[in-house]
Amino acid sequence: MLYMVYGVDGPDGPRIRDAMRDEHFQYLEDNSEIMVLGGATLADADDTRTGSLLIINVPDRAAADAFADHEPFRKAGLFKEVTVRRMRRGQWYPENAPGGAEGD
């Protein structure tokens, strides 16, 4: 089942992101078998990170919650709000994905 894990950064976001970046990326790598898509959300005006969106493929809600609960950014208190929602893959156009991290 697909789940989205969406976290909105709290006021101490930049400091926590810097401190936990390596652990965060290692956690994603350690869980690569369930990762579908992930990335930081950005401010419209610049590259300021405002949160994170991860889409995972897991067997059930308990697995989605466990993944979200153990994510290093979340454990460190980065997010002021986290939403975990089951989703359905509707339209799927991977050929439209940008070549670069933030678009072409």
N, C-alpha and C. Protein backbone atom coordinates (compact mmCIF):
# COMPACT_ATOMS: atom_id res chain seq x y z
N MET A 1 0.83 -1.18 0.00
CA MET A 1 0.00 0.00 0.00
C MET A 1 0.89 1.25 0.00
N LEU A 2 0.45 2.23 -0.71
CA LEU A 2 1.18 3.49 -0.75
C LEU A 2 0.74 4.40 0.39
N TYR A 3 1.71 5.04 1.00
CA TYR A 3 1.46 6.05 2.03
C TYR A 3 2.34 7.25 1.75
N MET A 4 1.81 8.42 2.04
CA MET A 4 2.64 9.62 2.03
C MET A 4 2.92 10.00 3.47
N VAL A 5 4.14 10.43 3.69
CA VAL A 5 4.57 10.93 5.00
C VAL A 5 5.01 12.36 4.75
N TYR A 6 4.22 13.31 5.26
CA TYR A 6 4.47 14.73 5.00
C TYR A 6 4.74 15.42 6.32
N GLY A 7 5.94 16.00 6.43
CA GLY A 7 6.30 16.74 7.63
C GLY A 7 6.51 18.20 7.32
N VAL A 8 6.00 19.07 8.19
CA VAL A 8 6.18 20.51 8.07
C VAL A 8 7.21 20.93 9.11
N ASP A 9 8.27 21.60 8.66
CA ASP A 9 9.35 22.00 9.56
C ASP A 9 8.87 22.95 10.64
N GLY A 10 9.44 22.78 11.81
CA GLY A 10 9.24 23.71 12.91
C GLY A 10 10.25 24.84 12.83
N PRO A 11 10.23 25.74 13.80
CA PRO A 11 11.08 26.93 13.75
C PRO A 11 12.57 26.64 13.82
N ASP A 12 12.96 25.49 14.33
CA ASP A 12 14.39 25.16 14.44
C ASP A 12 14.84 24.27 13.29
N GLY A 13 14.09 24.30 12.18
CA GLY A 13 14.34 23.43 11.04
C GLY A 13 15.76 23.42 10.50
N PRO A 14 16.33 24.58 10.15
CA PRO A 14 17.66 24.56 9.55
C PRO A 14 18.73 23.90 10.44
N ARG A 15 18.69 24.19 11.72
CA ARG A 15 19.70 23.60 12.62
C ARG A 15 19.54 22.09 12.70
N ILE A 16 18.30 21.62 12.85
CA ILE A 16 18.07 20.18 12.97
C ILE A 16 18.39 19.47 11.65
N ARG A 17 18.00 20.07 10.53
CA ARG A 17 18.33 19.46 9.23
C ARG A 17 19.83 19.30 9.07
N ASP A 18 20.59 20.33 9.41
CA ASP A 18 22.04 20.25 9.29
C ASP A 18 22.61 19.16 10.19
N ALA A 19 22.12 19.09 11.42
CA ALA A 19 22.65 18.13 12.39
C ALA A 19 22.29 16.69 12.05
N MET A 20 21.12 16.47 11.45
CA MET A 20 20.61 15.11 11.25
C MET A 20 20.64 14.64 9.79
N ARG A 21 21.18 15.45 8.90
CA ARG A 21 21.15 15.12 7.47
C ARG A 21 21.72 13.73 7.17
N ASP A 22 22.90 13.41 7.69
CA ASP A 22 23.52 12.11 7.40
C ASP A 22 22.67 10.96 7.90
N GLU A 23 22.13 11.08 9.12
CA GLU A 23 21.29 10.02 9.67
C GLU A 23 20.00 9.86 8.86
N HIS A 24 19.44 10.99 8.43
CA HIS A 24 18.23 10.96 7.60
C HIS A 24 18.48 10.20 6.31
N PHE A 25 19.54 10.56 5.59
CA PHE A 25 19.82 9.90 4.32
C PHE A 25 20.18 8.42 4.52
N GLN A 26 20.85 8.10 5.60
CA GLN A 26 21.16 6.69 5.88
C GLN A 26 19.88 5.91 6.15
N TYR A 27 18.95 6.52 6.87
CA TYR A 27 17.66 5.86 7.14
C TYR A 27 16.91 5.59 5.84
N LEU A 28 16.90 6.55 4.94
CA LEU A 28 16.24 6.35 3.65
C LEU A 28 16.93 5.25 2.86
N GLU A 29 18.24 5.23 2.88
CA GLU A 29 18.99 4.17 2.19
C GLU A 29 18.71 2.81 2.82
N ASP A 30 18.69 2.76 4.14
CA ASP A 30 18.40 1.50 4.83
C ASP A 30 17.00 0.99 4.53
N ASN A 31 16.10 1.87 4.15
CA ASN A 31 14.71 1.52 3.84
C ASN A 31 14.40 1.68 2.35
N SER A 32 15.42 1.61 1.52
CA SER A 32 15.23 1.86 0.08
C SER A 32 14.25 0.89 -0.57
N GLU A 33 14.06 -0.28 0.02
CA GLU A 33 13.15 -1.25 -0.58
C GLU A 33 11.68 -0.82 -0.49
N ILE A 34 11.38 0.17 0.34
CA ILE A 34 10.01 0.66 0.44
C ILE A 34 9.85 2.08 -0.12
N MET A 35 10.95 2.73 -0.44
CA MET A 35 10.89 4.10 -0.92
C MET A 35 10.39 4.16 -2.37
N VAL A 36 9.45 5.06 -2.62
CA VAL A 36 8.97 5.32 -3.97
C VAL A 36 9.49 6.67 -4.44
N LEU A 37 9.36 7.68 -3.60
CA LEU A 37 9.77 9.04 -3.94
C LEU A 37 9.96 9.81 -2.65
N GLY A 38 10.92 10.67 -2.63
CA GLY A 38 11.11 11.50 -1.44
C GLY A 38 11.85 12.76 -1.78
N GLY A 39 11.59 13.79 -0.99
CA GLY A 39 12.30 15.03 -1.17
C GLY A 39 11.82 16.09 -0.20
N ALA A 40 12.62 17.14 -0.11
CA ALA A 40 12.26 18.28 0.73
C ALA A 40 11.24 19.14 -0.01
N THR A 41 10.33 19.75 0.74
CA THR A 41 9.49 20.78 0.17
C THR A 41 10.23 22.10 0.31
N LEU A 42 9.99 23.01 -0.63
CA LEU A 42 10.76 24.26 -0.69
C LEU A 42 9.84 25.48 -0.67
N ALA A 43 10.36 26.57 -0.17
CA ALA A 43 9.67 27.86 -0.25
C ALA A 43 9.57 28.27 -1.72
N ASP A 44 8.54 29.01 -2.06
CA ASP A 44 8.38 29.47 -3.44
C ASP A 44 9.46 30.45 -3.87
N ALA A 45 9.90 31.29 -2.96
CA ALA A 45 10.81 32.38 -3.32
C ALA A 45 12.28 31.97 -3.40
N ASP A 46 12.65 30.89 -2.72
CA ASP A 46 14.06 30.50 -2.70
C ASP A 46 14.16 29.00 -2.38
N ASP A 47 15.35 28.54 -2.05
CA ASP A 47 15.56 27.11 -1.79
C ASP A 47 15.43 26.74 -0.31
N THR A 48 14.81 27.58 0.48
CA THR A 48 14.60 27.27 1.90
C THR A 48 13.73 26.03 2.02
N ARG A 49 14.22 25.05 2.78
CA ARG A 49 13.44 23.84 3.02
C ARG A 49 12.32 24.16 4.01
N THR A 50 11.13 23.67 3.69
CA THR A 50 9.97 23.93 4.54
C THR A 50 9.37 22.66 5.12
N GLY A 51 9.84 21.51 4.65
CA GLY A 51 9.31 20.24 5.12
C GLY A 51 9.85 19.10 4.30
N SER A 52 9.23 17.94 4.42
CA SER A 52 9.63 16.74 3.68
C SER A 52 8.40 15.97 3.25
N LEU A 53 8.50 15.36 2.07
CA LEU A 53 7.45 14.48 1.59
C LEU A 53 8.10 13.18 1.15
N LEU A 54 7.66 12.09 1.74
CA LEU A 54 8.14 10.76 1.38
C LEU A 54 6.94 9.92 0.98
N ILE A 55 7.07 9.20 -0.10
CA ILE A 55 6.04 8.25 -0.50
C ILE A 55 6.66 6.87 -0.39
N ILE A 56 5.99 6.01 0.39
CA ILE A 56 6.51 4.68 0.67
C ILE A 56 5.48 3.62 0.29
N ASN A 57 5.97 2.41 0.05
CA ASN A 57 5.13 1.28 -0.29
C ASN A 57 5.33 0.21 0.79
N VAL A 58 4.35 0.09 1.68
CA VAL A 58 4.45 -0.81 2.83
C VAL A 58 3.16 -1.64 2.93
N PRO A 59 3.18 -2.72 3.72
CA PRO A 59 2.02 -3.61 3.78
C PRO A 59 0.78 -3.03 4.45
N ASP A 60 0.96 -2.09 5.41
CA ASP A 60 -0.20 -1.62 6.17
C ASP A 60 0.13 -0.33 6.91
N ARG A 61 -0.90 0.21 7.58
CA ARG A 61 -0.76 1.47 8.30
C ARG A 61 0.26 1.36 9.43
N ALA A 62 0.30 0.23 10.10
CA ALA A 62 1.26 0.07 11.19
C ALA A 62 2.69 0.22 10.68
N ALA A 63 2.98 -0.34 9.53
CA ALA A 63 4.32 -0.23 8.95
C ALA A 63 4.62 1.22 8.54
N ALA A 64 3.61 1.92 8.01
CA ALA A 64 3.80 3.33 7.64
C ALA A 64 4.09 4.18 8.87
N ASP A 65 3.32 3.95 9.93
CA ASP A 65 3.53 4.70 11.17
C ASP A 65 4.89 4.40 11.78
N ALA A 66 5.29 3.14 11.76
CA ALA A 66 6.60 2.77 12.31
C ALA A 66 7.72 3.46 11.53
N PHE A 67 7.62 3.46 10.19
CA PHE A 67 8.61 4.14 9.38
C PHE A 67 8.68 5.62 9.74
N ALA A 68 7.52 6.27 9.80
CA ALA A 68 7.47 7.70 10.11
C ALA A 68 7.99 7.99 11.51
N ASP A 69 7.64 7.16 12.47
CA ASP A 69 8.05 7.38 13.86
C ASP A 69 9.55 7.27 14.06
N HIS A 70 10.21 6.44 13.24
CA HIS A 70 11.64 6.20 13.42
C HIS A 70 12.53 7.06 12.51
N GLU A 71 11.91 7.88 11.68
CA GLU A 71 12.67 8.73 10.77
C GLU A 71 13.48 9.73 11.60
N PRO A 72 14.79 9.83 11.37
CA PRO A 72 15.65 10.65 12.22
C PRO A 72 15.26 12.12 12.34
N PHE A 73 14.81 12.76 11.27
CA PHE A 73 14.37 14.15 11.38
C PHE A 73 13.23 14.25 12.38
N ARG A 74 12.29 13.33 12.28
CA ARG A 74 11.14 13.37 13.19
C ARG A 74 11.57 13.11 14.62
N LYS A 75 12.41 12.12 14.83
CA LYS A 75 12.87 11.80 16.18
C LYS A 75 13.62 12.97 16.81
N ALA A 76 14.30 13.77 15.97
CA ALA A 76 15.06 14.91 16.47
C ALA A 76 14.19 16.14 16.71
N GLY A 77 12.90 16.07 16.36
CA GLY A 77 12.01 17.19 16.60
C GLY A 77 11.95 18.22 15.50
N LEU A 78 12.35 17.86 14.29
CA LEU A 78 12.35 18.81 13.18
C LEU A 78 10.94 19.30 12.84
N PHE A 79 9.98 18.40 12.86
CA PHE A 79 8.65 18.73 12.34
C PHE A 79 7.71 19.24 13.42
N LYS A 80 6.98 20.30 13.07
CA LYS A 80 5.92 20.76 13.97
C LYS A 80 4.63 20.01 13.70
N GLU A 81 4.58 19.34 12.56
CA GLU A 81 3.38 18.59 12.16
C GLU A 81 3.80 17.48 11.21
N VAL A 82 3.24 16.29 11.40
CA VAL A 82 3.47 15.16 10.50
C VAL A 82 2.13 14.54 10.14
N THR A 83 1.95 14.30 8.86
CA THR A 83 0.74 13.65 8.36
C THR A 83 1.14 12.37 7.66
N VAL A 84 0.50 11.27 8.03
CA VAL A 84 0.68 9.99 7.34
C VAL A 84 -0.67 9.62 6.76
N ARG A 85 -0.72 9.45 5.43
CA ARG A 85 -1.99 9.15 4.77
C ARG A 85 -1.79 8.06 3.74
N ARG A 86 -2.73 7.15 3.73
CA ARG A 86 -2.75 6.15 2.68
C ARG A 86 -3.18 6.84 1.39
N MET A 87 -2.63 6.37 0.28
CA MET A 87 -2.96 6.97 -1.00
C MET A 87 -3.06 5.90 -2.08
N ARG A 88 -3.60 6.28 -3.16
CA ARG A 88 -3.70 5.41 -4.33
C ARG A 88 -2.88 6.03 -5.45
N ARG A 89 -2.14 5.19 -6.15
CA ARG A 89 -1.43 5.69 -7.32
C ARG A 89 -2.45 5.86 -8.43
N GLY A 90 -2.65 7.08 -8.81
CA GLY A 90 -3.57 7.39 -9.91
C GLY A 90 -2.76 7.56 -11.18
N GLN A 91 -2.69 8.76 -11.63
CA GLN A 91 -1.90 9.04 -12.82
C GLN A 91 -0.44 8.79 -12.51
N TRP A 92 0.26 8.24 -13.47
CA TRP A 92 1.66 7.87 -13.25
C TRP A 92 2.41 8.15 -14.53
N TYR A 93 3.21 9.20 -14.51
CA TYR A 93 3.95 9.62 -15.69
C TYR A 93 5.43 9.81 -15.33
N PRO A 94 6.13 8.74 -15.05
CA PRO A 94 7.52 8.89 -14.63
C PRO A 94 8.40 9.56 -15.69
N GLU A 95 7.99 9.48 -16.95
CA GLU A 95 8.76 10.12 -18.00
C GLU A 95 8.73 11.66 -17.88
N ASN A 96 7.78 12.18 -17.11
CA ASN A 96 7.70 13.63 -16.91
C ASN A 96 8.53 14.11 -15.72
N ALA A 97 9.12 13.19 -15.00
CA ALA A 97 9.95 13.58 -13.85
C ALA A 97 11.16 14.37 -14.36
N PRO A 98 11.56 15.39 -13.63
CA PRO A 98 12.69 16.20 -14.07
C PRO A 98 14.01 15.43 -14.01
N GLY A 99 14.95 15.84 -14.83
CA GLY A 99 16.27 15.22 -14.81
C GLY A 99 17.06 15.65 -13.58
N GLY A 100 16.80 16.86 -13.09
CA GLY A 100 17.51 17.36 -11.92
C GLY A 100 16.63 17.29 -10.69
N ALA A 101 17.22 17.57 -9.55
CA ALA A 101 16.53 17.44 -8.28
C ALA A 101 15.34 18.40 -8.14
N GLU A 102 15.42 19.58 -8.76
CA GLU A 102 14.37 20.57 -8.59
C GLU A 102 13.67 20.94 -9.89
N GLY A 103 13.85 20.15 -10.90
CA GLY A 103 13.15 20.42 -12.16
C GLY A 103 14.09 20.87 -13.26
N ASP A 104 13.58 20.82 -14.44
CA ASP A 104 14.37 21.22 -15.61
C ASP A 104 14.15 22.69 -15.92
